[in-house]
Structure formats: structure tokens, C-alpha cells
Amino acid sequence: MSPTHKNRSLSDIETDLMNCLLKAPTIDYPWNPADIDTADYYARSDRHFYFENWSDAELYDRSQSFSIWWQSL
């Protein structure tokens, strides 16, 4: 799988997506909001998406980079 292929069939893309999903590590999601571990789960997962210290300019630059990358697929 490579993002450099621009003219891939939908079937190939779906196959790659399925392979990625099947190879992903299992994450125990706390389905019960009353579970004590729920707050800890969200605190840990939110650390990966912490944008509060980013300036508006940095958020803009990163979103533009992502947009350019996405359009190149």
C-alpha cells in the first residue's frame, strides 16, 4: 500500500483499509460510562489530540499540509 498510487481501484483501496483495520491493535473501549476506568481512558486518548497549546497559525499550517497531502492521493 502506498499513497503515491493515484489511480487505484476502489476494490484495492477497500482491501487495504480492511487489512489496516484487521492489523490494528485491539483497544479496550470502556462502553460503560459508569465504569471507573472511563475517565482514565478518555484522559489518555485526549493526550494524542491536544491542540490547546497550538497557535492559530500552527493549526492553519498543519491543516493546509494535511489538505495538500489528502488531495494528492
C-alpha atoms as a PDB file:
ATOM      1  CA  MET A   1       0.000   0.000   0.000  1.00  0.00           C
ATOM      2  CA  SER A   2       1.349   3.381  -0.956  1.00  0.00           C
ATOM      3  CA  PRO A   3      -0.240   6.836  -1.019  1.00  0.00           C
ATOM      4  CA  THR A   4       1.637   7.563  -4.240  1.00  0.00           C
ATOM      5  CA  HIS A   5      -0.761   5.470  -6.360  1.00  0.00           C
ATOM      6  CA  LYS A   6      -3.330   7.904  -7.750  1.00  0.00           C
ATOM      7  CA  ASN A   7      -5.375   5.587  -9.957  1.00  0.00           C
ATOM      8  CA  ARG A   8      -6.123   2.661  -7.697  1.00  0.00           C
ATOM      9  CA  SER A   9      -9.371   0.746  -7.940  1.00  0.00           C
ATOM     10  CA  LEU A  10     -11.957   1.078  -5.210  1.00  0.00           C
ATOM     11  CA  SER A  11     -11.587  -2.623  -4.540  1.00  0.00           C
ATOM     12  CA  ASP A  12      -7.850  -2.211  -3.884  1.00  0.00           C
ATOM     13  CA  ILE A  13      -8.493   0.704  -1.535  1.00  0.00           C
ATOM     14  CA  GLU A  14     -11.180  -1.217   0.342  1.00  0.00           C
ATOM     15  CA  THR A  15      -8.856  -4.203   0.663  1.00  0.00           C
ATOM     16  CA  ASP A  16      -6.077  -2.006   2.049  1.00  0.00           C
ATOM     17  CA  LEU A  17      -8.481  -0.406   4.513  1.00  0.00           C
ATOM     18  CA  MET A  18      -9.727  -3.786   5.706  1.00  0.00           C
ATOM     19  CA  ASN A  19      -6.150  -5.031   6.138  1.00  0.00           C
ATOM     20  CA  CYS A  20      -5.260  -1.950   8.184  1.00  0.00           C
ATOM     21  CA  LEU A  21      -8.302  -2.382  10.395  1.00  0.00           C
ATOM     22  CA  LEU A  22      -7.611  -6.052  10.961  1.00  0.00           C
ATOM     23  CA  LYS A  23      -3.945  -5.418  11.825  1.00  0.00           C
ATOM     24  CA  ALA A  24      -4.720  -2.572  14.244  1.00  0.00           C
ATOM     25  CA  PRO A  25      -4.093  -3.353  17.890  1.00  0.00           C
ATOM     26  CA  THR A  26      -7.162  -4.022  19.985  1.00  0.00           C
ATOM     27  CA  ILE A  27      -8.060  -1.142  22.240  1.00  0.00           C
ATOM     28  CA  ASP A  28     -10.334  -1.807  25.177  1.00  0.00           C
ATOM     29  CA  TYR A  29     -13.001   0.852  24.878  1.00  0.00           C
ATOM     30  CA  PRO A  30     -14.965   1.419  28.079  1.00  0.00           C
ATOM     31  CA  TRP A  31     -18.531   1.076  26.805  1.00  0.00           C
ATOM     32  CA  ASN A  32     -19.978   1.573  30.267  1.00  0.00           C
ATOM     33  CA  PRO A  33     -19.823   5.288  31.213  1.00  0.00           C
ATOM     34  CA  ALA A  34     -20.259   4.319  34.875  1.00  0.00           C
ATOM     35  CA  ASP A  35     -17.012   2.311  34.749  1.00  0.00           C
ATOM     36  CA  ILE A  36     -14.241   3.859  36.846  1.00  0.00           C
ATOM     37  CA  ASP A  37     -11.732   3.401  34.008  1.00  0.00           C
ATOM     38  CA  THR A  38     -13.758   5.521  31.577  1.00  0.00           C
ATOM     39  CA  ALA A  39     -12.344   8.876  32.727  1.00  0.00           C
ATOM     40  CA  ASP A  40      -8.815   7.473  32.582  1.00  0.00           C
ATOM     41  CA  TYR A  41      -9.435   6.097  29.073  1.00  0.00           C
ATOM     42  CA  TYR A  42     -10.574   9.479  27.784  1.00  0.00           C
ATOM     43  CA  ALA A  43      -7.757  11.330  29.551  1.00  0.00           C
ATOM     44  CA  ARG A  44      -5.189   9.022  27.891  1.00  0.00           C
ATOM     45  CA  SER A  45      -6.792   9.223  24.456  1.00  0.00           C
ATOM     46  CA  ASP A  46      -7.183  13.010  24.623  1.00  0.00           C
ATOM     47  CA  ARG A  47      -3.436  13.430  25.092  1.00  0.00           C
ATOM     48  CA  HIS A  48      -2.976  12.399  21.461  1.00  0.00           C
ATOM     49  CA  PHE A  49      -5.248  15.202  20.277  1.00  0.00           C
ATOM     50  CA  TYR A  50      -4.188  18.065  22.480  1.00  0.00           C
ATOM     51  CA  PHE A  51      -4.260  21.280  20.423  1.00  0.00           C
ATOM     52  CA  GLU A  52      -4.732  23.825  23.183  1.00  0.00           C
ATOM     53  CA  ASN A  53      -1.105  24.970  23.144  1.00  0.00           C
ATOM     54  CA  TRP A  54      -1.002  25.296  19.362  1.00  0.00           C
ATOM     55  CA  SER A  55      -1.297  28.762  17.903  1.00  0.00           C
ATOM     56  CA  ASP A  56      -3.929  29.507  15.284  1.00  0.00           C
ATOM     57  CA  ALA A  57      -1.116  29.836  12.733  1.00  0.00           C
ATOM     58  CA  GLU A  58       0.246  26.372  13.570  1.00  0.00           C
ATOM     59  CA  LEU A  59      -3.221  24.799  13.349  1.00  0.00           C
ATOM     60  CA  TYR A  60      -3.756  26.510   9.999  1.00  0.00           C
ATOM     61  CA  ASP A  61      -0.359  25.369   8.649  1.00  0.00           C
ATOM     62  CA  ARG A  62      -0.922  21.786   9.748  1.00  0.00           C
ATOM     63  CA  SER A  63      -4.438  21.672   8.324  1.00  0.00           C
ATOM     64  CA  GLN A  64      -3.160  23.025   4.997  1.00  0.00           C
ATOM     65  CA  SER A  65      -0.393  20.396   4.933  1.00  0.00           C
ATOM     66  CA  PHE A  66      -2.955  17.688   5.599  1.00  0.00           C
ATOM     67  CA  SER A  67      -5.275  19.053   2.912  1.00  0.00           C
ATOM     68  CA  ILE A  68      -2.462  19.079   0.349  1.00  0.00           C
ATOM     69  CA  TRP A  69      -1.469  15.533   1.285  1.00  0.00           C
ATOM     70  CA  TRP A  70      -5.091  14.332   1.095  1.00  0.00           C
ATOM     71  CA  GLN A  71      -5.649  15.881  -2.331  1.00  0.00           C
ATOM     72  CA  SER A  72      -2.519  14.219  -3.662  1.00  0.00           C
ATOM     73  CA  LEU A  73      -3.947  10.743  -3.046  1.00  0.00           C
END
